[in-house]
Amino acid sequence: MDVLTEAKGAGLVRDEGFPSLENRRASAEEEAEILGRDSEPQLQEPYVDVLIRAFPRVRNRFAHPNMQSIMPPGS
């Protein structure tokens, strides 16, 4: 099992406490009211699961950049 999944299982990483997530959800509720949609929260994938899936890709992107993105001296 990977460390991020273990941290989620232990309750160390939760959706609560991410200001950007709270703001995004509040904006979605306001938009629903303006557009006359149901304001019931739709079932969404937990933000923590999105992060668990994305972090390894982001890390690998920075740890193993494409050779084309490395500029030689004097360029």
PDB file of N, CA and C in Angstrom:
ATOM      1  N   MET A   1       0.853  -1.180   0.000  1.00  0.00           N
ATOM      2  CA  MET A   1       0.000   0.000   0.000  1.00  0.00           C
ATOM      3  C   MET A   1       0.892   1.234   0.000  1.00  0.00           C
ATOM      4  N   ASP A   2       0.491   2.232  -0.716  1.00  0.00           N
ATOM      5  CA  ASP A   2       1.335   3.415  -0.806  1.00  0.00           C
ATOM      6  C   ASP A   2       1.114   4.351   0.381  1.00  0.00           C
ATOM      7  N   VAL A   3       2.089   5.176   0.654  1.00  0.00           N
ATOM      8  CA  VAL A   3       2.115   5.999   1.863  1.00  0.00           C
ATOM      9  C   VAL A   3       0.934   6.973   1.920  1.00  0.00           C
ATOM     10  N   LEU A   4       0.578   7.572   0.787  1.00  0.00           N
ATOM     11  CA  LEU A   4      -0.538   8.523   0.786  1.00  0.00           C
ATOM     12  C   LEU A   4      -1.862   7.831   1.106  1.00  0.00           C
ATOM     13  N   THR A   5      -2.043   6.637   0.579  1.00  0.00           N
ATOM     14  CA  THR A   5      -3.263   5.876   0.867  1.00  0.00           C
ATOM     15  C   THR A   5      -3.311   5.487   2.337  1.00  0.00           C
ATOM     16  N   GLU A   6      -2.163   5.111   2.892  1.00  0.00           N
ATOM     17  CA  GLU A   6      -2.096   4.793   4.318  1.00  0.00           C
ATOM     18  C   GLU A   6      -2.432   6.025   5.161  1.00  0.00           C
ATOM     19  N   ALA A   7      -1.904   7.176   4.766  1.00  0.00           N
ATOM     20  CA  ALA A   7      -2.179   8.410   5.500  1.00  0.00           C
ATOM     21  C   ALA A   7      -3.667   8.742   5.456  1.00  0.00           C
ATOM     22  N   LYS A   8      -4.301   8.519   4.317  1.00  0.00           N
ATOM     23  CA  LYS A   8      -5.742   8.748   4.217  1.00  0.00           C
ATOM     24  C   LYS A   8      -6.487   7.789   5.139  1.00  0.00           C
ATOM     25  N   GLY A   9      -6.112   6.523   5.112  1.00  0.00           N
ATOM     26  CA  GLY A   9      -6.755   5.515   5.950  1.00  0.00           C
ATOM     27  C   GLY A   9      -6.617   5.814   7.433  1.00  0.00           C
ATOM     28  N   ALA A  10      -5.488   6.423   7.821  1.00  0.00           N
ATOM     29  CA  ALA A  10      -5.250   6.769   9.224  1.00  0.00           C
ATOM     30  C   ALA A  10      -5.898   8.095   9.607  1.00  0.00           C
ATOM     31  N   GLY A  11      -6.536   8.764   8.630  1.00  0.00           N
ATOM     32  CA  GLY A  11      -7.188  10.037   8.919  1.00  0.00           C
ATOM     33  C   GLY A  11      -6.239  11.221   8.972  1.00  0.00           C
ATOM     34  N   LEU A  12      -5.012  11.025   8.491  1.00  0.00           N
ATOM     35  CA  LEU A  12      -4.039  12.115   8.510  1.00  0.00           C
ATOM     36  C   LEU A  12      -4.232  13.090   7.356  1.00  0.00           C
ATOM     37  N   VAL A  13      -4.840  12.613   6.273  1.00  0.00           N
ATOM     38  CA  VAL A  13      -5.118  13.445   5.107  1.00  0.00           C
ATOM     39  C   VAL A  13      -6.611  13.383   4.849  1.00  0.00           C
ATOM     40  N   ARG A  14      -7.262  14.542   4.902  1.00  0.00           N
ATOM     41  CA  ARG A  14      -8.723  14.608   4.716  1.00  0.00           C
ATOM     42  C   ARG A  14      -9.059  15.782   3.808  1.00  0.00           C
ATOM     43  N   ASP A  15     -10.274  15.793   3.286  1.00  0.00           N
ATOM     44  CA  ASP A  15     -10.719  16.890   2.440  1.00  0.00           C
ATOM     45  C   ASP A  15     -10.774  18.213   3.207  1.00  0.00           C
ATOM     46  N   GLU A  16     -11.097  18.154   4.487  1.00  0.00           N
ATOM     47  CA  GLU A  16     -11.226  19.371   5.277  1.00  0.00           C
ATOM     48  C   GLU A  16      -9.861  20.058   5.380  1.00  0.00           C
ATOM     49  N   GLY A  17      -9.882  21.380   5.342  1.00  0.00           N
ATOM     50  CA  GLY A  17      -8.659  22.142   5.541  1.00  0.00           C
ATOM     51  C   GLY A  17      -7.995  22.614   4.265  1.00  0.00           C
ATOM     52  N   PHE A  18      -8.556  22.309   3.107  1.00  0.00           N
ATOM     53  CA  PHE A  18      -8.026  22.820   1.846  1.00  0.00           C
ATOM     54  C   PHE A  18      -8.854  24.041   1.455  1.00  0.00           C
ATOM     55  N   PRO A  19      -8.330  25.260   1.662  1.00  0.00           N
ATOM     56  CA  PRO A  19      -9.112  26.465   1.358  1.00  0.00           C
ATOM     57  C   PRO A  19      -9.575  26.518  -0.095  1.00  0.00           C
ATOM     58  N   SER A  20      -8.742  26.076  -1.020  1.00  0.00           N
ATOM     59  CA  SER A  20      -9.129  26.136  -2.429  1.00  0.00           C
ATOM     60  C   SER A  20     -10.329  25.228  -2.699  1.00  0.00           C
ATOM     61  N   LEU A  21     -10.391  24.089  -2.025  1.00  0.00           N
ATOM     62  CA  LEU A  21     -11.520  23.171  -2.197  1.00  0.00           C
ATOM     63  C   LEU A  21     -12.791  23.785  -1.634  1.00  0.00           C
ATOM     64  N   GLU A  22     -12.683  24.386  -0.459  1.00  0.00           N
ATOM     65  CA  GLU A  22     -13.844  25.033   0.148  1.00  0.00           C
ATOM     66  C   GLU A  22     -14.360  26.152  -0.749  1.00  0.00           C
ATOM     67  N   ASN A  23     -13.444  26.956  -1.304  1.00  0.00           N
ATOM     68  CA  ASN A  23     -13.840  28.043  -2.196  1.00  0.00           C
ATOM     69  C   ASN A  23     -14.476  27.512  -3.474  1.00  0.00           C
ATOM     70  N   ARG A  24     -13.919  26.446  -4.011  1.00  0.00           N
ATOM     71  CA  ARG A  24     -14.462  25.867  -5.239  1.00  0.00           C
ATOM     72  C   ARG A  24     -15.874  25.345  -5.014  1.00  0.00           C
ATOM     73  N   ARG A  25     -16.090  24.675  -3.880  1.00  0.00           N
ATOM     74  CA  ARG A  25     -17.428  24.146  -3.593  1.00  0.00           C
ATOM     75  C   ARG A  25     -18.424  25.272  -3.352  1.00  0.00           C
ATOM     76  N   ALA A  26     -17.999  26.344  -2.676  1.00  0.00           N
ATOM     77  CA  ALA A  26     -18.884  27.490  -2.451  1.00  0.00           C
ATOM     78  C   ALA A  26     -19.236  28.145  -3.776  1.00  0.00           C
ATOM     79  N   SER A  27     -18.274  28.280  -4.663  1.00  0.00           N
ATOM     80  CA  SER A  27     -18.531  28.870  -5.983  1.00  0.00           C
ATOM     81  C   SER A  27     -19.499  28.016  -6.785  1.00  0.00           C
ATOM     82  N   ALA A  28     -19.358  26.706  -6.680  1.00  0.00           N
ATOM     83  CA  ALA A  28     -20.259  25.801  -7.404  1.00  0.00           C
ATOM     84  C   ALA A  28     -21.685  25.938  -6.888  1.00  0.00           C
ATOM     85  N   GLU A  29     -21.839  26.109  -5.568  1.00  0.00           N
ATOM     86  CA  GLU A  29     -23.177  26.296  -4.993  1.00  0.00           C
ATOM     87  C   GLU A  29     -23.785  27.619  -5.471  1.00  0.00           C
ATOM     88  N   GLU A  30     -22.991  28.685  -5.481  1.00  0.00           N
ATOM     89  CA  GLU A  30     -23.480  29.982  -5.955  1.00  0.00           C
ATOM     90  C   GLU A  30     -23.881  29.900  -7.423  1.00  0.00           C
ATOM     91  N   GLU A  31     -23.065  29.237  -8.220  1.00  0.00           N
ATOM     92  CA  GLU A  31     -23.361  29.081  -9.639  1.00  0.00           C
ATOM     93  C   GLU A  31     -24.657  28.311  -9.837  1.00  0.00           C
ATOM     94  N   ALA A  32     -24.863  27.266  -9.044  1.00  0.00           N
ATOM     95  CA  ALA A  32     -26.082  26.476  -9.148  1.00  0.00           C
ATOM     96  C   ALA A  32     -27.304  27.330  -8.831  1.00  0.00           C
ATOM     97  N   GLU A  33     -27.183  28.197  -7.821  1.00  0.00           N
ATOM     98  CA  GLU A  33     -28.299  29.082  -7.472  1.00  0.00           C
ATOM     99  C   GLU A  33     -28.592  30.058  -8.602  1.00  0.00           C
ATOM    100  N   ILE A  34     -27.560  30.645  -9.163  1.00  0.00           N
ATOM    101  CA  ILE A  34     -27.737  31.627 -10.237  1.00  0.00           C
ATOM    102  C   ILE A  34     -28.365  30.983 -11.467  1.00  0.00           C
ATOM    103  N   LEU A  35     -27.929  29.781 -11.796  1.00  0.00           N
ATOM    104  CA  LEU A  35     -28.422  29.089 -12.991  1.00  0.00           C
ATOM    105  C   LEU A  35     -29.710  28.317 -12.739  1.00  0.00           C
ATOM    106  N   GLY A  36     -30.170  28.311 -11.487  1.00  0.00           N
ATOM    107  CA  GLY A  36     -31.413  27.635 -11.165  1.00  0.00           C
ATOM    108  C   GLY A  36     -31.314  26.128 -11.133  1.00  0.00           C
ATOM    109  N   ARG A  37     -30.140  25.624 -10.933  1.00  0.00           N
ATOM    110  CA  ARG A  37     -29.963  24.174 -10.840  1.00  0.00           C
ATOM    111  C   ARG A  37     -30.236  23.728  -9.417  1.00  0.00           C
ATOM    112  N   ASP A  38     -30.343  22.395  -9.269  1.00  0.00           N
ATOM    113  CA  ASP A  38     -30.459  21.842  -7.924  1.00  0.00           C
ATOM    114  C   ASP A  38     -29.228  22.219  -7.130  1.00  0.00           C
ATOM    115  N   SER A  39     -29.430  22.678  -5.915  1.00  0.00           N
ATOM    116  CA  SER A  39     -28.279  23.037  -5.090  1.00  0.00           C
ATOM    117  C   SER A  39     -27.805  21.862  -4.244  1.00  0.00           C
ATOM    118  N   GLU A  40     -28.409  20.685  -4.479  1.00  0.00           N
ATOM    119  CA  GLU A  40     -27.966  19.496  -3.754  1.00  0.00           C
ATOM    120  C   GLU A  40     -26.543  19.167  -4.167  1.00  0.00           C
ATOM    121  N   PRO A  41     -25.706  18.887  -3.201  1.00  0.00           N
ATOM    122  CA  PRO A  41     -24.341  18.522  -3.578  1.00  0.00           C
ATOM    123  C   PRO A  41     -24.334  17.201  -4.330  1.00  0.00           C
ATOM    124  N   GLN A  42     -23.669  17.210  -5.471  1.00  0.00           N
ATOM    125  CA  GLN A  42     -23.586  15.991  -6.258  1.00  0.00           C
ATOM    126  C   GLN A  42     -22.466  15.134  -5.699  1.00  0.00           C
ATOM    127  N   LEU A  43     -22.613  13.831  -5.901  1.00  0.00           N
ATOM    128  CA  LEU A  43     -21.558  12.937  -5.449  1.00  0.00           C
ATOM    129  C   LEU A  43     -20.303  13.214  -6.274  1.00  0.00           C
ATOM    130  N   GLN A  44     -19.251  13.570  -5.590  1.00  0.00           N
ATOM    131  CA  GLN A  44     -17.997  13.862  -6.245  1.00  0.00           C
ATOM    132  C   GLN A  44     -16.913  12.994  -5.635  1.00  0.00           C
ATOM    133  N   GLU A  45     -15.879  12.772  -6.419  1.00  0.00           N
ATOM    134  CA  GLU A  45     -14.746  12.026  -5.901  1.00  0.00           C
ATOM    135  C   GLU A  45     -14.096  12.846  -4.796  1.00  0.00           C
ATOM    136  N   PRO A  46     -13.765  12.223  -3.680  1.00  0.00           N
ATOM    137  CA  PRO A  46     -13.098  12.970  -2.611  1.00  0.00           C
ATOM    138  C   PRO A  46     -11.810  13.612  -3.123  1.00  0.00           C
ATOM    139  N   TYR A  47     -11.582  14.848  -2.701  1.00  0.00           N
ATOM    140  CA  TYR A  47     -10.411  15.614  -3.132  1.00  0.00           C
ATOM    141  C   TYR A  47      -9.124  14.881  -2.780  1.00  0.00           C
ATOM    142  N   VAL A  48      -9.103  14.234  -1.639  1.00  0.00           N
ATOM    143  CA  VAL A  48      -7.914  13.501  -1.212  1.00  0.00           C
ATOM    144  C   VAL A  48      -7.575  12.402  -2.220  1.00  0.00           C
ATOM    145  N   ASP A  49      -8.574  11.744  -2.774  1.00  0.00           N
ATOM    146  CA  ASP A  49      -8.322  10.698  -3.765  1.00  0.00           C
ATOM    147  C   ASP A  49      -7.718  11.291  -5.040  1.00  0.00           C
ATOM    148  N   VAL A  50      -8.169  12.476  -5.408  1.00  0.00           N
ATOM    149  CA  VAL A  50      -7.597  13.165  -6.577  1.00  0.00           C
ATOM    150  C   VAL A  50      -6.121  13.468  -6.306  1.00  0.00           C
ATOM    151  N   LEU A  51      -5.822  13.971  -5.110  1.00  0.00           N
ATOM    152  CA  LEU A  51      -4.438  14.287  -4.758  1.00  0.00           C
ATOM    153  C   LEU A  51      -3.564  13.041  -4.727  1.00  0.00           C
ATOM    154  N   ILE A  52      -4.088  11.964  -4.158  1.00  0.00           N
ATOM    155  CA  ILE A  52      -3.330  10.713  -4.084  1.00  0.00           C
ATOM    156  C   ILE A  52      -2.980  10.226  -5.488  1.00  0.00           C
ATOM    157  N   ARG A  53      -3.895  10.392  -6.410  1.00  0.00           N
ATOM    158  CA  ARG A  53      -3.650   9.959  -7.784  1.00  0.00           C
ATOM    159  C   ARG A  53      -2.694  10.920  -8.508  1.00  0.00           C
ATOM    160  N   ALA A  54      -2.783  12.229  -8.211  1.00  0.00           N
ATOM    161  CA  ALA A  54      -2.004  13.228  -8.950  1.00  0.00           C
ATOM    162  C   ALA A  54      -0.583  13.408  -8.427  1.00  0.00           C
ATOM    163  N   PHE A  55      -0.369  13.328  -7.127  1.00  0.00           N
ATOM    164  CA  PHE A  55       0.952  13.605  -6.557  1.00  0.00           C
ATOM    165  C   PHE A  55       2.079  12.777  -7.181  1.00  0.00           C
ATOM    166  N   PRO A  56       1.911  11.463  -7.353  1.00  0.00           N
ATOM    167  CA  PRO A  56       3.006  10.700  -7.963  1.00  0.00           C
ATOM    168  C   PRO A  56       3.351  11.186  -9.371  1.00  0.00           C
ATOM    169  N   ARG A  57       2.342  11.555 -10.155  1.00  0.00           N
ATOM    170  CA  ARG A  57       2.605  12.060 -11.512  1.00  0.00           C
ATOM    171  C   ARG A  57       3.354  13.384 -11.471  1.00  0.00           C
ATOM    172  N   VAL A  58       2.932  14.275 -10.586  1.00  0.00           N
ATOM    173  CA  VAL A  58       3.599  15.576 -10.461  1.00  0.00           C
ATOM    174  C   VAL A  58       5.035  15.374 -10.007  1.00  0.00           C
ATOM    175  N   ARG A  59       5.224  14.532  -9.019  1.00  0.00           N
ATOM    176  CA  ARG A  59       6.576  14.253  -8.521  1.00  0.00           C
ATOM    177  C   ARG A  59       7.451  13.692  -9.624  1.00  0.00           C
ATOM    178  N   ASN A  60       6.943  12.727 -10.375  1.00  0.00           N
ATOM    179  CA  ASN A  60       7.735  12.121 -11.437  1.00  0.00           C
ATOM    180  C   ASN A  60       8.047  13.111 -12.549  1.00  0.00           C
ATOM    181  N   ARG A  61       7.129  14.011 -12.802  1.00  0.00           N
ATOM    182  CA  ARG A  61       7.346  15.028 -13.842  1.00  0.00           C
ATOM    183  C   ARG A  61       8.525  15.933 -13.476  1.00  0.00           C
ATOM    184  N   PHE A  62       8.623  16.301 -12.196  1.00  0.00           N
ATOM    185  CA  PHE A  62       9.724  17.153 -11.754  1.00  0.00           C
ATOM    186  C   PHE A  62      11.015  16.357 -11.547  1.00  0.00           C
ATOM    187  N   ALA A  63      10.907  15.131 -11.095  1.00  0.00           N
ATOM    188  CA  ALA A  63      12.088  14.322 -10.823  1.00  0.00           C
ATOM    189  C   ALA A  63      12.728  13.778 -12.097  1.00  0.00           C
ATOM    190  N   HIS A  64      11.931  13.573 -13.137  1.00  0.00           N
ATOM    191  CA  HIS A  64      12.422  12.997 -14.393  1.00  0.00           C
ATOM    192  C   HIS A  64      11.951  13.849 -15.567  1.00  0.00           C
ATOM    193  N   PRO A  65      12.504  15.055 -15.709  1.00  0.00           N
ATOM    194  CA  PRO A  65      12.045  15.931 -16.797  1.00  0.00           C
ATOM    195  C   PRO A  65      12.461  15.378 -18.163  1.00  0.00           C
ATOM    196  N   ASN A  66      11.774  15.818 -19.195  1.00  0.00           N
ATOM    197  CA  ASN A  66      12.147  15.451 -20.557  1.00  0.00           C
ATOM    198  C   ASN A  66      13.475  16.129 -20.888  1.00  0.00           C
ATOM    199  N   MET A  67      14.284  15.460 -21.641  1.00  0.00           N
ATOM    200  CA  MET A  67      15.577  16.041 -22.020  1.00  0.00           C
ATOM    201  C   MET A  67      15.398  17.346 -22.787  1.00  0.00           C
ATOM    202  N   GLN A  68      14.325  17.483 -23.528  1.00  0.00           N
ATOM    203  CA  GLN A  68      14.098  18.694 -24.307  1.00  0.00           C
ATOM    204  C   GLN A  68      13.900  19.915 -23.410  1.00  0.00           C
ATOM    205  N   SER A  69      13.486  19.694 -22.167  1.00  0.00           N
ATOM    206  CA  SER A  69      13.216  20.830 -21.290  1.00  0.00           C
ATOM    207  C   SER A  69      14.478  21.291 -20.544  1.00  0.00           C
ATOM    208  N   ILE A  70      15.593  20.574 -20.725  1.00  0.00           N
ATOM    209  CA  ILE A  70      16.841  20.962 -20.063  1.00  0.00           C
ATOM    210  C   ILE A  70      17.654  21.783 -21.049  1.00  0.00           C
ATOM    211  N   MET A  71      17.944  23.031 -20.668  1.00  0.00           N
ATOM    212  CA  MET A  71      18.668  23.938 -21.553  1.00  0.00           C
ATOM    213  C   MET A  71      20.168  23.802 -21.301  1.00  0.00           C
ATOM    214  N   PRO A  72      20.949  23.601 -22.371  1.00  0.00           N
ATOM    215  CA  PRO A  72      22.408  23.531 -22.189  1.00  0.00           C
ATOM    216  C   PRO A  72      22.978  24.935 -21.935  1.00  0.00           C
ATOM    217  N   PRO A  73      24.145  25.000 -21.334  1.00  0.00           N
ATOM    218  CA  PRO A  73      24.758  26.314 -21.076  1.00  0.00           C
ATOM    219  C   PRO A  73      25.000  27.061 -22.391  1.00  0.00           C
ATOM    220  N   GLY A  74      24.804  28.356 -22.351  1.00  0.00           N
ATOM    221  CA  GLY A  74      25.062  29.183 -23.517  1.00  0.00           C
ATOM    222  C   GLY A  74      23.883  29.333 -24.468  1.00  0.00           C
ATOM    223  N   SER A  75      22.766  28.742 -24.132  1.00  0.00           N
ATOM    224  CA  SER A  75      21.593  28.868 -25.032  1.00  0.00           C
ATOM    225  C   SER A  75      20.889  30.175 -24.835  1.00  0.00           C
TER     226      SER A  75
END
